[in-house]
Amino acid sequence: MKKVLVALAMVMGLGSSVAFAYVVSGTQSVEQTQQNPQDEFTKVEVKDLPQAVMNVLAKDYEGAVIKEAFISEKETGKIYKVVLTITKENQSTEEVTVLLNEKGEFLNKEEGNEVLRIAEAEAFDFAEVDKLGSYRKDLTYNQKHIDSVLALNLVDVEAIKKANFRVAIDCVNSVGGIILPELLERLGVKHVEKLYCEPTGNFQHNPEPLEKNLGDIMNLMKGGKADVAFVVDPDVDRLAMICENGVMYGEEYTLVTVADYVLKHTPGNTVSNLSSTRALRDVTRKYGMEYSASAVGEVNVVTKMKAINAVIGGEGNGGVIYPASHYGRDALVGIALFLSHLAHEGKKVSELRATYPPYFIAKNRVDLTPEIDVDAILAKVKEIYKNEEINDIDGVKIDFADKWVHLRKSNTEPIIRVYSEASTMEAAEEIGQKIMDVINELAK
């Protein structure tokens, strides 16, 4: 029986695709049985492979020869299986089978379930220890990604250089400490105050870029050492900012601000998830464009963005998704676009923040007992507020004229998360508490 090592590789950025790699050792062909999930594929000519598939094979399997290719067409989309022959340094050969989707972003729910089905079927053996495949080292991808960011039409390097910004960064001692200084140097930023930029993995504070965790960088900014501070999470996909006076810009407004800049130059639709600030909707409508909300989760945002051809989208946690670069949250893209916008506006960061609609989000939860039917309670809440604008694609969101409340149940415990937004924190807490009182009454 064949020896197979199953691995899942998520390769993001630069148009890369998601790949499932089956490394097949000690055999020149992949054995097939009726029980094997791979039987659902039919053979295709190599010339018929999409360019996106060919691109990722050329990049990630340089020098490999395509032996044969297959396709499986499912309701969720096409999956391509490509059998490669790789020549190793000792001139021995290895056969690798790679599964790629046709889009190049996170797996959606259906694709994820398919991966779980394949894993649960256990139609494979683990490779022997001396036949675990191979890897290669490539240290050029920071440079490649920065090149791609600087090549974006809306990234104005000359304007950023001319503005002579002083920038502070907090990279929580993770990989941002490597790539953010490189990005800022390439953008022409000469004055950079670095805090926690040693990529040791020894986080100096809770790595979530929230105000309660950022006292050190906020105090640094109060000393007048920089015009703006950028804070990223460990994998550099969330971006928070701090004004020149040491006040938080507000992570919800990272996407709002970048979207304002993008829409000003390339009008189009926008997307964020149901729990994100209404300010993105307001800014989008200012340009006469359409805003849409998705279910919570990056993959859901991306799916909605593609459906309405959005030019910008993301999540209120500081995640900017800019399709002109790629369909993934990216703090480097966010920084480059934000600095371009700031340079064009000629304002202080606090002044720029003041140009956007002020909203405040309150986050609460209702704890219930295990025997309570949470879905039934949400259905009753939906009925009570049926005269308001209701969105039930992910829990229940009630949109009032000047505020909203989003109710989502937990998948692991009997609780309902209650997010509410209004023009003041007091009003946000008030409407959130009102809905929580309704839930508690229904639970009796």
Protein backbone atom coordinates (compact mmCIF):
# COMPACT_ATOMS: atom_id res chain seq x y z
CA MET A 1 0.00 0.00 0.00
CA LYS A 2 1.27 3.47 -0.72
CA LYS A 3 2.90 5.53 1.98
CA VAL A 4 1.29 8.95 2.16
CA LEU A 5 2.04 11.98 4.29
CA VAL A 6 -0.94 14.28 4.42
CA ALA A 7 -0.31 17.95 5.05
CA LEU A 8 -2.33 21.11 4.70
CA ALA A 9 -0.47 24.18 3.52
CA MET A 10 -2.05 27.62 3.69
CA VAL A 11 0.05 29.82 1.42
CA MET A 12 -1.12 33.43 1.55
CA GLY A 13 -0.14 36.52 -0.40
CA LEU A 14 1.17 37.20 -3.88
CA GLY A 15 -1.68 35.28 -5.49
CA SER A 16 -0.69 31.94 -3.99
CA SER A 17 -3.21 29.16 -3.78
CA VAL A 18 -4.28 26.93 -0.93
CA ALA A 19 -2.66 23.55 -1.34
CA PHE A 20 -3.21 20.11 0.10
CA ALA A 21 0.01 18.13 -0.33
CA TYR A 22 0.03 14.35 -0.46
CA VAL A 23 3.67 13.24 -0.55
CA VAL A 24 3.79 9.79 -2.11
CA SER A 25 7.03 7.92 -1.47
CA GLY A 26 8.34 4.69 -2.93
CA THR A 27 5.87 4.40 -5.77
CA GLN A 28 5.48 5.73 -9.29
CA SER A 29 1.71 5.85 -9.13
CA VAL A 30 -1.03 6.67 -6.68
CA GLU A 31 -3.03 3.59 -5.82
CA GLN A 32 -6.75 4.07 -6.11
CA THR A 33 -9.56 2.12 -4.48
CA GLN A 34 -13.29 2.66 -4.27
CA GLN A 35 -12.85 3.78 -0.67
CA ASN A 36 -10.25 6.43 -1.49
CA PRO A 37 -11.64 10.00 -1.56
CA GLN A 38 -9.38 10.86 -4.52
CA ASP A 39 -11.51 8.65 -6.83
CA GLU A 40 -13.77 11.63 -7.51
CA PHE A 41 -11.17 13.15 -9.88
CA THR A 42 -11.10 12.85 -13.65
CA LYS A 43 -8.00 13.32 -15.76
CA VAL A 44 -7.37 16.57 -17.67
CA GLU A 45 -4.66 17.81 -19.98
CA VAL A 46 -1.88 19.81 -18.35
CA LYS A 47 -2.50 22.63 -20.82
CA ASP A 48 -6.03 22.95 -19.43
CA LEU A 49 -4.88 23.80 -15.89
CA PRO A 50 -5.84 27.36 -14.85
CA GLN A 51 -3.04 29.92 -14.86
CA ALA A 52 -3.47 30.42 -11.11
CA VAL A 53 -2.67 26.75 -10.55
CA MET A 54 0.32 26.88 -12.88
CA ASN A 55 1.63 29.99 -11.11
CA VAL A 56 1.62 28.45 -7.65
CA LEU A 57 3.21 25.23 -8.94
CA ALA A 58 5.98 27.21 -10.62
CA LYS A 59 6.60 29.21 -7.45
CA ASP A 60 6.29 26.53 -4.78
CA TYR A 61 7.61 23.54 -6.75
CA GLU A 62 10.30 25.16 -8.88
CA GLY A 63 11.86 22.70 -11.30
CA ALA A 64 9.20 20.03 -10.79
CA VAL A 65 7.76 18.21 -13.80
CA ILE A 66 3.99 17.80 -14.06
CA LYS A 67 3.33 14.12 -14.63
CA GLU A 68 -0.47 14.28 -14.84
CA ALA A 69 -3.41 16.38 -13.68
CA PHE A 70 -6.98 15.74 -12.55
CA ILE A 71 -10.06 17.78 -11.71
CA SER A 72 -12.96 17.31 -9.31
CA GLU A 73 -15.98 19.54 -9.76
CA LYS A 74 -18.04 20.02 -6.63
CA GLU A 75 -20.81 22.39 -5.62
CA THR A 76 -18.22 24.42 -3.73
CA GLY A 77 -16.00 24.81 -6.80
CA LYS A 78 -13.25 23.02 -8.67
CA ILE A 79 -10.35 21.21 -7.02
CA TYR A 80 -7.29 20.30 -9.07
CA LYS A 81 -5.03 17.34 -8.28
CA VAL A 82 -1.60 17.60 -9.88
CA VAL A 83 1.02 14.83 -9.74
CA LEU A 84 4.56 16.23 -9.79
CA THR A 85 7.96 14.57 -10.15
CA ILE A 86 10.62 16.38 -8.14
CA THR A 87 14.35 15.79 -8.52
CA LYS A 88 16.18 16.19 -5.22
CA GLU A 89 19.78 17.32 -4.67
CA ASN A 90 21.07 13.73 -4.66
CA GLN A 91 19.36 13.25 -8.06
CA SER A 92 16.80 10.82 -6.65
CA THR A 93 13.19 11.55 -7.56
CA GLU A 94 10.12 11.97 -5.46
CA GLU A 95 6.51 12.03 -6.51
CA VAL A 96 4.26 14.65 -4.96
CA THR A 97 0.51 15.00 -5.40
CA VAL A 98 -0.86 18.46 -4.72
CA LEU A 99 -4.50 19.49 -4.37
CA LEU A 100 -5.26 23.13 -5.11
CA ASN A 101 -8.45 25.12 -5.15
CA GLU A 102 -8.94 27.59 -7.97
CA LYS A 103 -9.12 30.81 -5.98
CA GLY A 104 -6.23 31.12 -3.53
CA GLU A 105 -7.71 32.10 -0.17
CA PHE A 106 -8.86 30.51 3.07
CA LEU A 107 -11.01 27.42 2.78
CA ASN A 108 -14.71 28.02 3.15
CA LYS A 109 -16.91 25.92 5.41
CA GLU A 110 -17.75 23.34 2.75
CA GLU A 111 -14.13 22.90 1.69
CA GLY A 112 -13.07 22.65 5.31
CA ASN A 113 -15.65 19.93 5.90
CA GLU A 114 -14.28 18.06 2.89
CA VAL A 115 -10.80 18.14 4.42
CA LEU A 116 -12.24 16.76 7.68
CA ARG A 117 -14.03 14.01 5.77
CA ILE A 118 -10.82 12.95 4.07
CA ALA A 119 -9.00 12.95 7.40
CA GLU A 120 -11.73 10.96 9.16
CA ALA A 121 -11.74 8.33 6.37
CA GLU A 122 -8.07 7.61 7.19
CA ALA A 123 -7.47 6.31 3.67
CA PHE A 124 -3.72 6.73 4.04
CA ASP A 125 -0.65 5.54 5.93
CA PHE A 126 1.99 7.80 7.41
CA ALA A 127 5.27 8.03 5.52
CA GLU A 128 8.25 6.15 6.88
CA VAL A 129 10.65 8.32 8.85
CA ASP A 130 13.35 8.27 6.15
CA LYS A 131 10.86 9.21 3.43
CA LEU A 132 9.27 12.33 4.86
CA GLY A 133 9.81 14.40 1.75
CA SER A 134 11.88 17.58 1.55
CA TYR A 135 11.78 21.31 2.07
CA ARG A 136 13.59 24.30 0.67
CA LYS A 137 14.64 27.57 2.24
CA ASP A 138 13.68 30.82 0.55
CA LEU A 139 14.30 34.08 2.39
CA THR A 140 13.11 36.38 -0.41
CA TYR A 141 9.42 36.54 0.40
CA ASN A 142 9.56 39.56 2.72
CA GLN A 143 11.17 41.48 -0.12
CA LYS A 144 8.68 40.12 -2.67
CA HIS A 145 5.70 41.09 -0.56
CA ILE A 146 7.01 44.57 0.18
CA ASP A 147 7.65 44.99 -3.55
CA SER A 148 4.04 44.03 -4.25
CA VAL A 149 2.74 46.52 -1.65
CA LEU A 150 4.82 49.38 -3.05
CA ALA A 151 3.64 48.52 -6.57
CA LEU A 152 -0.02 49.15 -5.66
CA ASN A 153 -1.42 52.11 -7.60
CA LEU A 154 -2.73 53.85 -4.49
CA VAL A 155 0.49 53.57 -2.49
CA ASP A 156 2.14 56.96 -2.99
CA VAL A 157 5.74 56.50 -1.89
CA GLU A 158 6.82 59.97 -3.01
CA ALA A 159 4.05 61.65 -0.99
CA ILE A 160 5.02 59.63 2.09
CA LYS A 161 8.70 60.56 1.68
CA LYS A 162 7.82 64.24 1.28
CA ALA A 163 5.65 64.19 4.42
CA ASN A 164 8.71 63.11 6.47
CA PHE A 165 6.59 61.18 8.97
CA ARG A 166 7.93 60.09 12.33
CA VAL A 167 6.51 56.63 13.02
CA ALA A 168 6.48 54.41 16.11
CA ILE A 169 5.79 50.68 15.95
CA ASP A 170 4.96 47.96 18.47
CA CYS A 171 5.42 44.49 16.96
CA VAL A 172 4.95 42.50 20.20
CA ASN A 173 8.30 40.73 19.65
CA SER A 174 6.98 38.74 16.72
CA VAL A 175 7.56 38.67 12.96
CA GLY A 176 6.31 42.23 12.51
CA GLY A 177 9.62 43.28 14.07
CA ILE A 178 11.34 41.98 10.96
CA ILE A 179 9.13 43.20 8.16
CA LEU A 180 7.62 46.50 9.41
CA PRO A 181 10.98 48.30 9.67
CA GLU A 182 11.82 47.06 6.16
CA LEU A 183 8.48 48.30 4.81
CA LEU A 184 8.82 51.73 6.45
CA GLU A 185 12.36 52.13 5.13
CA ARG A 186 11.17 51.33 1.61
CA LEU A 187 8.34 53.85 2.04
CA GLY A 188 10.89 56.54 2.81
CA VAL A 189 10.14 56.87 6.53
CA LYS A 190 13.45 57.93 8.09
CA HIS A 191 12.40 58.28 11.73
CA VAL A 192 11.13 55.04 13.32
CA GLU A 193 10.72 54.44 17.06
CA LYS A 194 10.76 50.68 17.59
CA LEU A 195 9.13 49.02 20.58
CA TYR A 196 9.17 45.25 21.10
CA CYS A 197 10.58 44.47 17.66
CA GLU A 198 12.87 41.56 18.58
CA PRO A 199 11.22 38.50 16.92
CA THR A 200 11.74 36.23 19.93
CA GLY A 201 8.12 35.21 20.38
CA ASN A 202 8.37 36.43 23.96
CA PHE A 203 5.37 38.76 23.93
CA GLN A 204 5.91 41.75 26.23
CA HIS A 205 2.16 42.26 26.60
CA ASN A 206 -1.07 40.56 25.59
CA PRO A 207 -0.64 40.36 21.79
CA GLU A 208 -4.16 41.52 20.96
CA PRO A 209 -3.78 45.12 19.71
CA LEU A 210 -6.40 46.53 22.08
CA GLU A 211 -6.14 49.72 24.14
CA LYS A 212 -5.93 47.88 27.46
CA ASN A 213 -2.77 46.11 26.25
CA LEU A 214 -0.95 49.07 24.70
CA GLY A 215 0.00 51.31 27.62
CA ASP A 216 3.71 51.37 26.73
CA ILE A 217 3.33 52.55 23.14
CA MET A 218 0.59 55.01 24.13
CA ASN A 219 2.90 56.55 26.75
CA LEU A 220 5.67 56.74 24.16
CA MET A 221 3.35 58.67 21.86
CA LYS A 222 2.36 61.10 24.63
CA GLY A 223 5.99 62.18 24.69
CA GLY A 224 5.61 63.63 21.20
CA LYS A 225 8.14 61.31 19.60
CA ALA A 226 6.08 60.36 16.54
CA ASP A 227 3.24 61.43 14.28
CA VAL A 228 1.56 58.03 14.36
CA ALA A 229 2.07 54.62 15.93
CA PHE A 230 1.26 51.30 14.27
CA VAL A 231 0.62 48.19 16.36
CA VAL A 232 0.28 44.73 14.84
CA ASP A 233 -0.61 41.30 16.17
CA PRO A 234 1.88 38.39 16.00
CA ASP A 235 1.01 37.37 12.42
CA VAL A 236 0.72 40.97 11.16
CA ASP A 237 -2.82 40.78 9.80
CA ARG A 238 -4.44 43.15 12.31
CA LEU A 239 -3.52 46.82 12.47
CA ALA A 240 -4.23 49.29 15.26
CA MET A 241 -3.07 52.91 15.33
CA ILE A 242 -2.36 55.54 17.95
CA CYS A 243 -2.66 59.28 17.38
CA GLU A 244 0.19 61.75 17.86
CA ASN A 245 -1.24 62.67 21.29
CA GLY A 246 -1.18 59.12 22.61
CA VAL A 247 -4.91 58.47 22.13
CA MET A 248 -6.06 55.27 20.44
CA TYR A 249 -7.29 55.80 16.90
CA GLY A 250 -9.74 52.90 17.37
CA GLU A 251 -9.22 49.55 15.68
CA GLU A 252 -12.69 49.75 14.14
CA TYR A 253 -11.53 52.83 12.24
CA THR A 254 -8.48 51.26 10.60
CA LEU A 255 -10.64 49.79 7.84
CA VAL A 256 -12.91 52.85 7.74
CA THR A 257 -9.98 55.19 7.07
CA VAL A 258 -8.29 53.01 4.47
CA ALA A 259 -11.66 52.50 2.76
CA ASP A 260 -12.17 56.27 2.61
CA TYR A 261 -8.87 56.62 0.75
CA VAL A 262 -9.58 53.72 -1.60
CA LEU A 263 -13.13 54.88 -2.40
CA LYS A 264 -11.93 58.41 -3.09
CA HIS A 265 -9.75 57.08 -5.92
CA THR A 266 -11.49 53.84 -6.99
CA PRO A 267 -15.23 53.98 -6.23
CA GLY A 268 -16.83 50.62 -5.57
CA ASN A 269 -18.61 48.45 -3.02
CA THR A 270 -17.40 47.60 0.49
CA VAL A 271 -17.89 44.75 2.97
CA SER A 272 -17.33 44.18 6.67
CA ASN A 273 -18.80 41.67 9.08
CA LEU A 274 -22.01 42.16 11.04
CA SER A 275 -20.18 43.05 14.25
CA SER A 276 -18.15 45.87 12.69
CA THR A 277 -18.83 49.58 12.98
CA ARG A 278 -21.55 51.31 10.98
CA ALA A 279 -19.00 54.00 10.05
CA LEU A 280 -17.87 51.96 7.02
CA ARG A 281 -21.44 51.99 5.72
CA ASP A 282 -21.63 55.77 6.21
CA VAL A 283 -18.35 56.41 4.40
CA THR A 284 -19.33 54.08 1.57
CA ARG A 285 -22.67 55.81 1.07
CA LYS A 286 -20.88 59.18 1.06
CA TYR A 287 -19.39 58.10 -2.24
CA GLY A 288 -22.71 56.77 -3.53
CA MET A 289 -21.55 53.16 -3.29
CA GLU A 290 -23.07 50.04 -1.72
CA TYR A 291 -22.07 48.59 1.64
CA SER A 292 -22.83 44.93 2.50
CA ALA A 293 -22.43 42.97 5.72
CA SER A 294 -21.20 39.39 5.91
CA ALA A 295 -21.24 36.75 8.61
CA VAL A 296 -18.38 37.02 11.10
CA GLY A 297 -15.12 35.44 9.93
CA GLU A 298 -12.55 36.39 7.32
CA VAL A 299 -13.60 33.71 4.86
CA ASN A 300 -17.19 35.02 4.99
CA VAL A 301 -16.03 38.58 4.37
CA VAL A 302 -13.97 37.46 1.36
CA THR A 303 -16.86 35.43 -0.06
CA LYS A 304 -19.17 38.45 0.17
CA MET A 305 -16.52 40.75 -1.30
CA LYS A 306 -16.21 38.54 -4.35
CA ALA A 307 -19.98 38.27 -4.70
CA ILE A 308 -20.45 42.05 -4.93
CA ASN A 309 -17.06 42.87 -6.46
CA ALA A 310 -16.01 44.99 -3.48
CA VAL A 311 -12.94 47.21 -3.85
CA ILE A 312 -12.15 47.13 -0.11
CA GLY A 313 -13.35 45.18 2.90
CA GLY A 314 -12.31 43.60 6.15
CA GLU A 315 -13.17 43.32 9.81
CA GLY A 316 -13.51 45.78 12.66
CA ASN A 317 -10.60 44.20 14.52
CA GLY A 318 -8.15 46.11 12.32
CA GLY A 319 -8.17 43.64 9.44
CA VAL A 320 -7.89 45.30 6.02
CA ILE A 321 -8.58 43.21 2.91
CA TYR A 322 -7.62 44.94 -0.33
CA PRO A 323 -8.29 42.79 -3.43
CA ALA A 324 -5.87 44.81 -5.56
CA SER A 325 -3.18 43.16 -3.41
CA HIS A 326 -4.77 39.86 -2.31
CA TYR A 327 -7.84 38.47 -0.54
CA GLY A 328 -6.43 38.33 2.96
CA ARG A 329 -6.06 40.65 5.95
CA ASP A 330 -2.73 42.45 5.69
CA ALA A 331 -1.34 45.10 8.04
CA LEU A 332 1.45 46.03 5.59
CA VAL A 333 -1.10 46.96 2.95
CA GLY A 334 -3.06 48.88 5.59
CA ILE A 335 0.00 50.86 6.72
CA ALA A 336 1.02 51.80 3.18
CA LEU A 337 -2.48 52.95 2.24
CA PHE A 338 -2.99 54.80 5.52
CA LEU A 339 0.27 56.73 5.22
CA SER A 340 -0.57 57.61 1.62
CA HIS A 341 -3.95 58.93 2.74
CA LEU A 342 -2.42 60.84 5.65
CA ALA A 343 0.17 62.42 3.36
CA HIS A 344 -2.49 63.55 0.90
CA GLU A 345 -4.76 64.96 3.60
CA GLY A 346 -2.03 66.95 5.35
CA LYS A 347 -3.71 66.50 8.75
CA LYS A 348 -2.58 65.28 12.12
CA VAL A 349 -3.74 61.72 12.82
CA SER A 350 -6.16 62.93 15.51
CA GLU A 351 -7.59 65.45 13.05
CA LEU A 352 -8.07 62.78 10.41
CA ARG A 353 -9.83 60.54 12.94
CA ALA A 354 -12.22 63.39 13.79
CA THR A 355 -13.47 63.51 10.19
CA TYR A 356 -15.25 60.16 10.55
CA PRO A 357 -18.65 59.47 12.16
CA PRO A 358 -18.19 58.78 15.90
CA TYR A 359 -19.49 55.41 17.02
CA PHE A 360 -18.85 53.33 20.12
CA ILE A 361 -19.23 49.56 20.48
CA ALA A 362 -20.13 47.81 23.73
CA LYS A 363 -19.40 44.09 24.08
CA ASN A 364 -21.35 41.98 26.57
CA ARG A 365 -22.64 38.44 27.02
CA VAL A 366 -25.61 36.65 28.50
CA ASP A 367 -24.87 33.41 30.34
CA LEU A 368 -27.57 30.77 30.08
CA THR A 369 -28.00 27.25 31.39
CA PRO A 370 -27.18 24.25 29.14
CA GLU A 371 -30.81 23.12 28.87
CA ILE A 372 -32.00 26.42 27.35
CA ASP A 373 -32.64 26.41 23.61
CA VAL A 374 -30.54 29.37 22.48
CA ASP A 375 -31.81 29.19 18.90
CA ALA A 376 -35.40 29.41 20.11
CA ILE A 377 -34.57 32.52 22.16
CA LEU A 378 -32.92 34.20 19.18
CA ALA A 379 -35.96 33.40 17.06
CA LYS A 380 -38.23 35.05 19.66
CA VAL A 381 -36.03 38.14 19.79
CA LYS A 382 -36.21 38.35 16.03
CA GLU A 383 -40.01 38.20 16.19
CA ILE A 384 -40.20 40.89 18.88
CA TYR A 385 -38.16 43.29 16.74
CA LYS A 386 -39.57 42.29 13.37
CA ASN A 387 -40.46 45.89 12.55
CA GLU A 388 -36.78 46.87 12.62
CA GLU A 389 -34.21 45.95 9.97
CA ILE A 390 -33.15 42.37 10.75
CA ASN A 391 -30.18 40.37 9.44
CA ASP A 392 -30.06 36.71 10.49
CA ILE A 393 -27.18 35.31 8.38
CA ASP A 394 -25.11 34.99 11.56
CA GLY A 395 -27.17 35.13 14.72
CA VAL A 396 -29.58 38.08 14.82
CA LYS A 397 -28.62 41.68 14.12
CA ILE A 398 -31.19 44.39 14.82
CA ASP A 399 -30.55 47.66 13.00
CA PHE A 400 -32.29 50.67 14.52
CA ALA A 401 -32.18 54.11 12.93
CA ASP A 402 -29.25 55.31 15.04
CA LYS A 403 -27.81 52.15 16.60
CA TRP A 404 -27.62 48.37 16.29
CA VAL A 405 -27.37 45.19 18.37
CA HIS A 406 -25.85 41.92 17.17
CA LEU A 407 -26.61 38.67 19.00
CA ARG A 408 -24.49 35.57 18.34
CA LYS A 409 -24.58 32.28 20.17
CA SER A 410 -21.41 30.45 21.14
CA ASN A 411 -20.77 27.07 19.53
CA THR A 412 -19.04 25.75 22.65
CA GLU A 413 -20.97 27.07 25.64
CA PRO A 414 -24.51 28.26 26.49
CA ILE A 415 -23.98 31.98 26.07
CA ILE A 416 -25.14 34.72 23.72
CA ARG A 417 -22.62 37.41 22.81
CA VAL A 418 -24.22 40.84 22.66
CA TYR A 419 -22.48 43.56 20.62
CA SER A 420 -24.13 46.97 20.40
CA GLU A 421 -23.14 50.25 18.75
CA ALA A 422 -24.38 53.81 19.08
CA SER A 423 -23.09 57.39 18.87
CA THR A 424 -22.04 57.32 22.55
CA MET A 425 -20.81 54.49 24.77
CA GLU A 426 -23.67 55.16 27.18
CA ALA A 427 -26.24 54.69 24.41
CA ALA A 428 -24.47 51.55 23.20
CA GLU A 429 -24.50 50.05 26.70
CA GLU A 430 -28.13 51.07 27.18
CA ILE A 431 -29.47 49.37 24.05
CA GLY A 432 -27.31 46.33 24.71
CA GLN A 433 -28.67 46.02 28.25
CA LYS A 434 -32.23 46.43 26.98
CA ILE A 435 -31.85 43.45 24.64
CA MET A 436 -30.08 41.45 27.36
CA ASP A 437 -33.06 42.07 29.67
CA VAL A 438 -35.36 40.73 26.93
CA ILE A 439 -33.20 37.60 26.58
CA ASN A 440 -33.14 36.99 30.34
CA GLU A 441 -36.92 37.34 30.49
CA LEU A 442 -37.36 34.86 27.64
CA ALA A 443 -35.02 32.40 29.36
CA LYS A 444 -37.17 32.19 32.52
